[in-house]
């Protein structure tokens, strides 16, 4: 539940609870007292009306009503009374005082009989709302409301602390503790704070995963550089021997050069990996699938034939159009084909590439008849410098570069073992054909 909804429900709950408790307090403790007080006030008003009627009847003069009002301290000195005398034809004969708007009122009616004529006496007593101290049970109601609001306020603050403040403090502590290597745990809350905390946990997991990946890359590169570098240093030391035959010197120099090339290739590949992960923009161009197929065929057909590898490339969607960064997509094909070449051991080697339209995407399959990969490791071969203990060589940054390039194009890439025992790398590109 969202925090906004929680606050709204808390306010509604507080208002409802306040109303229920106040009504309950009134019904249990104040209603009888209020009714008794109102009855007493009504009796007093009725007594005034009756007394006025009796005095007017004794004088047998309706105009005596004005004199009676003027001589009555209780009525004359208090502006809360409105007096009206009408005949039976509803004509107002006497009217004293004013009706007060927005006031609580009590009314008393009586009949005045003079010379066989009947008149209606109406006395209205007003109790102004702004003078609330005159309202019966005002004091107990105010005291009860203060106590009830105090209880509700404490209860509401407790709810707000448990549901909002404490989770925020917990998230703050998790952020502080993460600085010292203490990993946070996900929570079961479904509001914005819970969402934020779970996203923070996912972020820390990704950061930890990325840190482990970086450490593994550094360790792998360090190892891969150290091995040829050690050989270069060893052969350099041997070359210092002046008695070393010239033929042996040339051989050592050739070995040193070869080891240096290995180091250079490793550094170049690492530079490519960094550039593919750092570049935020692609230099895209719209291209028909048929043109892309021809480019890949021209680039690899002769080279693979010289390596005695049967190369096949076919398309079922020649006229479909893709929007790609050609240099990066060519690198994807190059890395995938290079990975296949390194892992084929049979006498009859073959690499097959197929283009096909699947829903709104163009799916590309690059298959070989090499030694394949264990099912449990298929997802891991796209990790940077992932190394398995099996016979297939998948260490390096090539497939990781492929993954970055395809995901940069909004596509997906994955690997499957095929029926020939080899590996099939598949990826998708968006079909923008209108």
Protein backbone atom coordinates (compact mmCIF):
# COMPACT_ATOMS: atom_id res chain seq x y z
CA UNK A 1 0.00 0.00 0.00
CA UNK A 2 1.28 3.45 -0.90
CA UNK A 3 2.31 5.86 1.85
CA UNK A 4 -0.28 8.38 0.66
CA UNK A 5 -3.04 5.81 1.08
CA UNK A 6 -1.70 4.88 4.50
CA UNK A 7 -1.84 8.51 5.63
CA UNK A 8 -5.37 8.93 4.26
CA UNK A 9 -6.52 5.78 6.05
CA UNK A 10 -4.83 6.93 9.26
CA UNK A 11 -6.67 10.27 9.12
CA UNK A 12 -10.00 8.56 8.38
CA UNK A 13 -9.39 6.06 11.18
CA UNK A 14 -8.49 8.85 13.63
CA UNK A 15 -11.60 10.87 12.71
CA UNK A 16 -13.87 7.82 12.96
CA UNK A 17 -12.36 6.72 16.26
CA UNK A 18 -12.69 10.23 17.67
CA UNK A 19 -16.36 10.40 16.64
CA UNK A 20 -17.16 6.96 18.04
CA UNK A 21 -15.44 7.59 21.37
CA UNK A 22 -16.98 11.05 21.75
CA UNK A 23 -20.45 9.74 20.90
CA UNK A 24 -19.98 6.83 23.27
CA UNK A 25 -18.87 9.13 26.07
CA UNK A 26 -21.89 11.36 25.45
CA UNK A 27 -24.33 8.46 25.43
CA UNK A 28 -22.90 6.85 28.56
CA UNK A 29 -22.21 9.87 30.74
CA UNK A 30 -23.72 13.11 29.37
CA UNK A 31 -26.98 12.42 27.57
CA UNK A 32 -29.12 12.12 30.71
CA UNK A 33 -27.52 15.18 32.28
CA UNK A 34 -28.10 17.17 29.07
CA UNK A 35 -31.71 16.05 28.78
CA UNK A 36 -32.33 16.98 32.43
CA UNK A 37 -30.77 20.40 31.91
CA UNK A 38 -32.83 21.05 28.74
CA UNK A 39 -36.02 19.96 30.49
CA UNK A 40 -35.24 22.34 33.35
CA UNK A 41 -34.65 25.22 30.93
CA UNK A 42 -37.86 24.42 29.10
CA UNK A 43 -39.82 24.42 32.36
CA UNK A 44 -38.36 27.80 33.24
CA UNK A 45 -39.37 29.18 29.85
CA UNK A 46 -42.85 27.70 30.18
CA UNK A 47 -43.17 29.29 33.62
CA UNK A 48 -42.29 32.72 32.19
CA UNK A 49 -44.86 32.30 29.40
CA UNK A 50 -47.55 31.16 31.84
CA UNK A 51 -46.81 33.99 34.26
CA UNK A 52 -47.02 36.51 31.44
CA UNK A 53 -50.35 35.10 30.24
CA UNK A 54 -51.85 35.21 33.75
CA UNK A 55 -50.80 38.82 34.30
CA UNK A 56 -52.17 39.96 30.93
CA UNK A 57 -55.47 38.14 31.55
CA UNK A 58 -55.80 39.79 34.98
CA UNK A 59 -55.44 43.22 33.42
CA UNK A 60 -57.80 42.26 30.56
CA UNK A 61 -55.64 44.44 28.35
CA UNK A 62 -53.41 43.06 25.65
CA UNK A 63 -51.22 46.15 25.69
CA UNK A 64 -50.24 45.29 29.25
CA UNK A 65 -47.82 42.83 27.65
CA UNK A 66 -45.42 45.70 26.85
CA UNK A 67 -45.59 46.97 30.42
CA UNK A 68 -45.04 43.47 31.74
CA UNK A 69 -41.97 43.04 29.56
CA UNK A 70 -40.58 46.42 30.57
CA UNK A 71 -41.04 45.62 34.26
CA UNK A 72 -39.56 42.13 34.01
CA UNK A 73 -35.87 42.20 34.84
CA UNK A 74 -35.37 38.67 33.56
CA UNK A 75 -36.84 39.39 30.13
CA UNK A 76 -36.04 43.04 29.65
CA UNK A 77 -32.37 42.87 30.61
CA UNK A 78 -31.59 39.82 28.53
CA UNK A 79 -31.49 39.99 24.74
CA UNK A 80 -31.94 36.26 24.38
CA UNK A 81 -35.77 36.38 24.41
CA UNK A 82 -38.06 36.98 21.46
CA UNK A 83 -41.76 37.60 22.33
CA UNK A 84 -44.62 37.62 19.87
CA UNK A 85 -48.41 37.86 20.32
CA UNK A 86 -50.75 37.01 17.39
CA UNK A 87 -54.48 36.77 17.00
CA UNK A 88 -56.16 33.74 15.54
CA UNK A 89 -56.00 35.33 12.08
CA UNK A 90 -52.20 35.13 12.37
CA UNK A 91 -51.76 38.89 12.60
CA UNK A 92 -48.82 40.00 14.75
CA UNK A 93 -50.06 42.39 17.39
CA UNK A 94 -47.03 42.69 19.64
CA UNK A 95 -43.41 41.82 18.89
CA UNK A 96 -40.45 42.41 21.19
CA UNK A 97 -36.83 41.33 20.87
CA UNK A 98 -34.98 39.84 17.90
CA UNK A 99 -34.44 36.37 16.58
CA UNK A 100 -30.74 35.51 16.67
CA UNK A 101 -29.43 33.68 13.62
CA UNK A 102 -27.17 30.72 14.18
CA UNK A 103 -28.43 30.07 17.67
CA UNK A 104 -29.84 27.16 19.60
CA UNK A 105 -33.47 27.94 20.58
CA UNK A 106 -36.23 26.74 22.88
CA UNK A 107 -39.85 27.73 22.29
CA UNK A 108 -42.83 28.02 24.61
CA UNK A 109 -46.42 28.60 23.41
CA UNK A 110 -49.47 29.65 25.49
CA UNK A 111 -53.01 31.02 25.00
CA UNK A 112 -54.17 34.43 26.32
CA UNK A 113 -57.96 34.81 26.81
CA UNK A 114 -59.31 38.39 27.00
CA UNK A 115 -63.04 39.19 26.59
CA UNK A 116 -63.74 35.88 24.89
CA UNK A 117 -60.94 36.54 22.45
CA UNK A 118 -57.97 34.16 22.21
CA UNK A 119 -54.42 35.21 21.42
CA UNK A 120 -51.29 33.14 20.90
CA UNK A 121 -48.20 33.98 22.96
CA UNK A 122 -44.85 32.76 21.62
CA UNK A 123 -41.62 33.11 23.59
CA UNK A 124 -38.35 31.99 21.98
CA UNK A 125 -35.22 31.76 24.11
CA UNK A 126 -31.97 31.85 22.07
CA UNK A 127 -28.64 30.43 23.10
CA UNK A 128 -25.96 31.81 20.72
CA UNK A 129 -23.56 29.15 19.43
CA UNK A 130 -20.58 31.51 19.79
CA UNK A 131 -21.32 31.62 23.52
CA UNK A 132 -20.57 27.92 23.87
CA UNK A 133 -19.87 28.16 27.57
CA UNK A 134 -23.63 28.49 28.12
CA UNK A 135 -24.27 25.16 26.36
CA UNK A 136 -24.88 22.41 28.90
CA UNK A 137 -22.13 19.73 29.12
CA UNK A 138 -19.71 22.06 27.30
CA UNK A 139 -17.00 21.52 29.90
CA UNK A 140 -17.15 17.69 30.01
CA UNK A 141 -17.29 17.50 26.19
CA UNK A 142 -14.19 19.69 25.80
CA UNK A 143 -12.28 17.70 28.45
CA UNK A 144 -13.28 14.39 26.86
CA UNK A 145 -12.27 15.65 23.41
CA UNK A 146 -8.84 16.72 24.67
CA UNK A 147 -8.26 13.31 26.27
CA UNK A 148 -9.53 11.40 23.21
CA UNK A 149 -7.45 13.49 20.79
CA UNK A 150 -4.40 12.96 22.99
CA UNK A 151 -4.89 9.17 22.89
CA UNK A 152 -5.53 9.18 19.14
CA UNK A 153 -2.48 11.40 18.53
CA UNK A 154 -0.23 9.03 20.48
CA UNK A 155 -1.71 6.02 18.67
CA UNK A 156 -1.36 7.72 15.24
CA UNK A 157 2.26 8.73 15.94
CA UNK A 158 3.01 5.13 16.89
CA UNK A 159 1.53 3.91 13.59
CA UNK A 160 3.42 6.55 11.58
CA UNK A 161 6.67 5.65 13.35
CA UNK A 162 6.24 1.91 12.77
CA UNK A 163 5.04 2.18 9.18
CA UNK A 164 7.03 5.15 7.87
CA UNK A 165 9.73 6.58 10.14
CA UNK A 166 11.27 3.27 11.28
CA UNK A 167 11.55 1.84 7.72
CA UNK A 168 13.24 5.08 6.59
CA UNK A 169 15.69 4.86 9.50
CA UNK A 170 16.29 1.20 8.65
CA UNK A 171 17.05 2.11 5.03
CA UNK A 172 19.39 4.84 6.21
CA UNK A 173 21.20 2.36 8.46
CA UNK A 174 21.48 -0.12 5.58
CA UNK A 175 23.07 2.57 3.41
CA UNK A 176 25.54 3.48 6.16
CA UNK A 177 26.34 -0.17 6.96
CA UNK A 178 26.94 -0.99 3.30
CA UNK A 179 29.94 1.33 3.42
CA UNK A 180 31.49 -1.12 5.87
CA UNK A 181 30.67 -4.25 3.89
CA UNK A 182 27.43 -5.21 5.66
CA UNK A 183 24.97 -6.33 2.99
CA UNK A 184 21.30 -5.29 3.34
CA UNK A 185 18.38 -7.71 3.09
CA UNK A 186 15.13 -7.31 1.21
CA UNK A 187 11.94 -6.47 3.10
CA UNK A 188 8.32 -7.54 2.62
CA UNK A 189 6.83 -4.03 2.63
CA UNK A 190 4.84 -3.12 -0.49
CA UNK A 191 4.85 0.67 -0.22
CA UNK A 192 7.28 3.20 -1.69
CA UNK A 193 9.78 2.72 1.14
CA UNK A 194 9.73 -1.06 0.70
CA UNK A 195 10.16 -0.64 -3.06
CA UNK A 196 13.04 1.77 -2.51
CA UNK A 197 14.77 -0.54 -0.04
CA UNK A 198 14.41 -3.59 -2.30
CA UNK A 199 15.76 -1.57 -5.23
CA UNK A 200 18.71 -0.55 -3.07
CA UNK A 201 19.32 -4.22 -2.19
CA UNK A 202 19.21 -5.13 -5.91
CA UNK A 203 21.62 -2.29 -6.64
CA UNK A 204 24.07 -3.51 -3.99
CA UNK A 205 23.82 -7.04 -5.38
CA UNK A 206 24.63 -5.76 -8.86
CA UNK A 207 27.50 -3.66 -7.50
CA UNK A 208 28.89 -6.67 -5.61
CA UNK A 209 28.50 -8.81 -8.71
CA UNK A 210 30.22 -6.19 -10.83
CA UNK A 211 33.00 -5.88 -8.26
CA UNK A 212 33.53 -9.64 -8.29
CA UNK A 213 33.51 -9.57 -12.08
CA UNK A 214 36.10 -6.79 -12.13
CA UNK A 215 38.30 -8.65 -9.65
CA UNK A 216 38.03 -11.79 -11.77
CA UNK A 217 38.91 -9.85 -14.93
CA UNK A 218 41.89 -8.22 -13.23
CA UNK A 219 43.09 -11.57 -11.86
CA UNK A 220 42.65 -13.27 -15.24
CA UNK A 221 44.42 -10.52 -17.16
CA UNK A 222 47.18 -10.45 -14.59
CA UNK A 223 47.66 -14.21 -14.98
CA UNK A 224 47.45 -14.10 -18.78
CA UNK A 225 50.04 -11.32 -18.94
CA UNK A 226 52.30 -12.84 -16.31
CA UNK A 227 52.72 -16.15 -18.17
CA UNK A 228 54.11 -14.78 -21.47
CA UNK A 229 55.94 -12.01 -19.63
CA UNK A 230 57.75 -14.59 -17.52
CA UNK A 231 58.79 -16.39 -20.71
CA UNK A 232 60.01 -13.13 -22.26
CA UNK A 233 62.09 -12.34 -19.16
CA UNK A 234 63.53 -15.87 -19.18
CA UNK A 235 64.54 -15.73 -22.81
CA UNK A 236 65.90 -12.20 -22.39
CA UNK A 237 68.13 -13.44 -19.62
CA UNK A 238 69.40 -16.29 -21.83
CA UNK A 239 70.16 -13.86 -24.67
CA UNK A 240 72.65 -12.13 -22.38
CA UNK A 241 74.87 -15.19 -22.72
CA UNK A 242 77.46 -14.14 -25.31
CA UNK A 243 78.33 -17.75 -26.06
CA UNK A 244 74.76 -18.49 -27.23
CA UNK A 245 74.73 -19.69 -30.89
CA UNK A 246 73.24 -17.29 -33.41
CA UNK A 247 70.61 -19.82 -34.46
CA UNK A 248 69.45 -20.17 -30.86
CA UNK A 249 69.40 -16.39 -30.47
CA UNK A 250 67.06 -16.04 -33.47
CA UNK A 251 64.79 -18.73 -32.07
CA UNK A 252 64.59 -17.00 -28.68
CA UNK A 253 63.87 -13.67 -30.33
CA UNK A 254 61.05 -15.23 -32.37
CA UNK A 255 59.57 -16.75 -29.20
CA UNK A 256 59.81 -13.41 -27.38
CA UNK A 257 58.07 -11.67 -30.27
CA UNK A 258 55.31 -14.28 -30.29
CA UNK A 259 54.78 -13.88 -26.54
CA UNK A 260 54.72 -10.08 -26.97
CA UNK A 261 52.03 -10.48 -29.64
CA UNK A 262 49.98 -12.55 -27.18
CA UNK A 263 50.20 -9.75 -24.62
CA UNK A 264 49.27 -7.15 -27.27
CA UNK A 265 46.23 -9.16 -28.39
CA UNK A 266 45.07 -9.49 -24.80
CA UNK A 267 45.42 -5.74 -24.19
CA UNK A 268 43.67 -4.90 -27.50
CA UNK A 269 40.79 -7.20 -26.61
CA UNK A 270 40.49 -5.60 -23.18
CA UNK A 271 40.45 -2.14 -24.79
CA UNK A 272 37.62 -3.29 -27.05
CA UNK A 273 35.72 -4.64 -24.06
CA UNK A 274 36.02 -1.29 -22.27
CA UNK A 275 34.96 0.68 -25.33
CA UNK A 276 31.88 -1.49 -25.89
CA UNK A 277 30.82 -1.00 -22.27
CA UNK A 278 31.58 2.72 -22.10
CA UNK A 279 30.18 3.96 -25.40
CA UNK A 280 26.67 5.31 -24.96
CA UNK A 281 25.85 5.99 -28.63
CA UNK A 282 25.76 3.83 -31.73
CA UNK A 283 26.48 4.95 -35.28
CA UNK A 284 23.49 3.22 -36.80
CA UNK A 285 22.54 2.84 -40.42
CA UNK A 286 19.53 1.17 -42.03
CA UNK A 287 20.45 -1.88 -44.05
CA UNK A 288 18.67 -4.74 -45.74
CA UNK A 289 19.42 -8.19 -44.39
CA UNK A 290 20.54 -9.29 -47.87
CA UNK A 291 23.32 -6.67 -47.87
CA UNK A 292 24.48 -7.72 -44.39
CA UNK A 293 24.54 -11.37 -45.50
CA UNK A 294 26.70 -10.51 -48.52
CA UNK A 295 29.12 -8.50 -46.38
CA UNK A 296 29.59 -11.37 -43.91
CA UNK A 297 29.99 -13.86 -46.77
CA UNK A 298 32.67 -11.75 -48.47
CA UNK A 299 34.52 -11.24 -45.20
CA UNK A 300 34.73 -14.85 -44.00
CA UNK A 301 34.08 -17.26 -46.88
CA UNK A 302 37.61 -17.33 -48.30
CA UNK A 303 39.29 -17.28 -44.91
CA UNK A 304 37.25 -20.23 -43.62
CA UNK A 305 37.72 -22.22 -46.83
CA UNK A 306 41.51 -21.83 -46.45
CA UNK A 307 41.11 -23.34 -42.96
CA UNK A 308 39.19 -26.29 -44.49
CA UNK A 309 35.98 -25.20 -42.80
CA UNK A 310 32.70 -25.55 -44.72
CA UNK A 311 30.94 -22.20 -44.49
CA UNK A 312 27.23 -21.73 -45.13
CA UNK A 313 25.23 -18.51 -44.78
CA UNK A 314 21.54 -18.27 -45.73
CA UNK A 315 18.65 -15.89 -45.19
CA UNK A 316 14.86 -16.25 -45.25
CA UNK A 317 14.26 -12.51 -44.87
CA UNK A 318 16.45 -10.77 -47.46
CA UNK A 319 14.15 -7.76 -47.82
CA UNK A 320 13.77 -7.08 -44.09
CA UNK A 321 15.56 -3.98 -42.79
CA UNK A 322 17.65 -3.64 -39.63
CA UNK A 323 19.03 -0.48 -38.01
CA UNK A 324 22.55 -1.36 -36.86
CA UNK A 325 26.04 -0.10 -36.10
CA UNK A 326 27.76 -2.15 -38.80
CA UNK A 327 31.22 -2.15 -37.20
CA UNK A 328 29.87 -3.55 -33.94
CA UNK A 329 27.69 -6.18 -35.62
CA UNK A 330 30.65 -7.29 -37.74
CA UNK A 331 32.62 -7.66 -34.52
CA UNK A 332 29.83 -9.87 -33.13
CA UNK A 333 30.11 -12.19 -36.14
CA UNK A 334 33.91 -12.12 -35.93
CA UNK A 335 34.03 -13.03 -32.23
CA UNK A 336 31.40 -15.78 -32.55
CA UNK A 337 33.11 -17.32 -35.61
CA UNK A 338 36.52 -17.03 -33.95
CA UNK A 339 35.18 -18.80 -30.87
CA UNK A 340 33.86 -21.61 -33.10
CA UNK A 341 37.19 -21.99 -34.91
CA UNK A 342 39.06 -22.43 -31.60
CA UNK A 343 36.73 -25.20 -30.46
CA UNK A 344 36.36 -27.50 -33.45
CA UNK A 345 38.45 -30.68 -33.36
CA UNK A 346 36.81 -32.96 -35.95
CA UNK A 347 38.27 -33.46 -39.39
CA UNK A 348 35.16 -32.16 -41.10
CA UNK A 349 34.60 -28.70 -39.71
CA UNK A 350 31.62 -26.54 -40.55
CA UNK A 351 30.11 -23.20 -39.58
CA UNK A 352 26.55 -22.29 -40.55
CA UNK A 353 24.85 -18.90 -40.28
CA UNK A 354 21.09 -18.45 -40.74
CA UNK A 355 18.91 -15.32 -40.78
CA UNK A 356 15.20 -15.69 -40.08
CA UNK A 357 12.24 -13.42 -39.20
CA UNK A 358 10.74 -14.27 -35.79
CA UNK A 359 7.80 -12.04 -34.79
CA UNK A 360 9.12 -8.45 -34.90
CA UNK A 361 12.80 -9.45 -34.81
CA UNK A 362 15.47 -10.83 -37.09
CA UNK A 363 17.04 -13.88 -35.44
CA UNK A 364 20.60 -14.83 -36.38
CA UNK A 365 22.03 -18.29 -35.64
CA UNK A 366 25.77 -19.08 -35.81
CA UNK A 367 26.36 -22.83 -35.45
CA UNK A 368 29.44 -25.04 -35.43
CA UNK A 369 30.08 -28.76 -35.04
CA UNK A 370 32.64 -28.36 -32.27
CA UNK A 371 32.60 -29.84 -28.79
CA UNK A 372 29.74 -27.81 -27.30
CA UNK A 373 29.38 -26.55 -23.74
CA UNK A 374 27.81 -28.08 -20.64
CA UNK A 375 24.18 -26.98 -20.24
CA UNK A 376 24.92 -25.51 -16.81
CA UNK A 377 27.54 -23.18 -18.31
CA UNK A 378 25.70 -21.88 -21.38
CA UNK A 379 24.67 -18.62 -19.70
CA UNK A 380 28.11 -18.08 -18.17
CA UNK A 381 30.10 -18.09 -21.40
CA UNK A 382 28.98 -14.49 -22.05
CA UNK A 383 30.62 -13.31 -18.82
CA UNK A 384 33.91 -11.49 -19.22
CA UNK A 385 36.89 -13.88 -19.06
CA UNK A 386 34.74 -16.74 -17.82
CA UNK A 387 36.81 -19.93 -17.71
CA UNK A 388 35.34 -23.42 -17.43
CA UNK A 389 37.27 -26.53 -16.45
CA UNK A 390 35.97 -28.45 -19.44
CA UNK A 391 37.82 -29.04 -22.67
CA UNK A 392 36.07 -26.28 -24.62
CA UNK A 393 37.98 -23.02 -24.47
CA UNK A 394 35.59 -20.13 -23.70
CA UNK A 395 37.88 -17.85 -21.72
CA UNK A 396 38.28 -14.34 -23.02
CA UNK A 397 36.31 -11.21 -23.70
CA UNK A 398 34.98 -12.03 -27.16
CA UNK A 399 31.52 -13.31 -26.27
CA UNK A 400 31.16 -10.69 -23.56
CA UNK A 401 31.77 -8.03 -26.22
CA UNK A 402 29.09 -9.71 -28.36
CA UNK A 403 26.63 -9.50 -25.47
CA UNK A 404 27.31 -5.78 -24.91
CA UNK A 405 26.95 -5.00 -28.62
CA UNK A 406 23.65 -6.89 -29.07
CA UNK A 407 22.10 -5.49 -25.90
CA UNK A 408 23.16 -2.03 -27.06
CA UNK A 409 21.01 -2.65 -30.15
CA UNK A 410 18.04 -3.63 -27.96
CA UNK A 411 18.38 -7.32 -28.78
CA UNK A 412 19.06 -10.54 -26.91
CA UNK A 413 21.85 -13.10 -27.21
CA UNK A 414 22.06 -16.66 -25.92
CA UNK A 415 23.72 -20.00 -26.68
CA UNK A 416 22.43 -23.53 -27.24
CA UNK A 417 24.01 -26.91 -27.88
CA UNK A 418 22.96 -28.19 -31.31
CA UNK A 419 22.24 -31.66 -32.67
CA UNK A 420 25.72 -31.88 -34.25
CA UNK A 421 27.35 -31.71 -30.82
CA UNK A 422 28.55 -28.18 -31.31
CA UNK A 423 27.44 -24.77 -30.10
CA UNK A 424 24.89 -22.38 -31.62
CA UNK A 425 25.03 -18.71 -30.72
CA UNK A 426 21.75 -16.90 -31.38
CA UNK A 427 20.93 -13.23 -31.21
CA UNK A 428 18.12 -10.92 -32.30
CA UNK A 429 18.01 -7.56 -34.05
CA UNK A 430 14.94 -5.34 -34.35
CA UNK A 431 13.11 -5.59 -37.67
CA UNK A 432 12.17 -2.03 -38.70
CA UNK A 433 10.56 -2.99 -42.01
CA UNK A 434 7.36 -0.98 -42.47
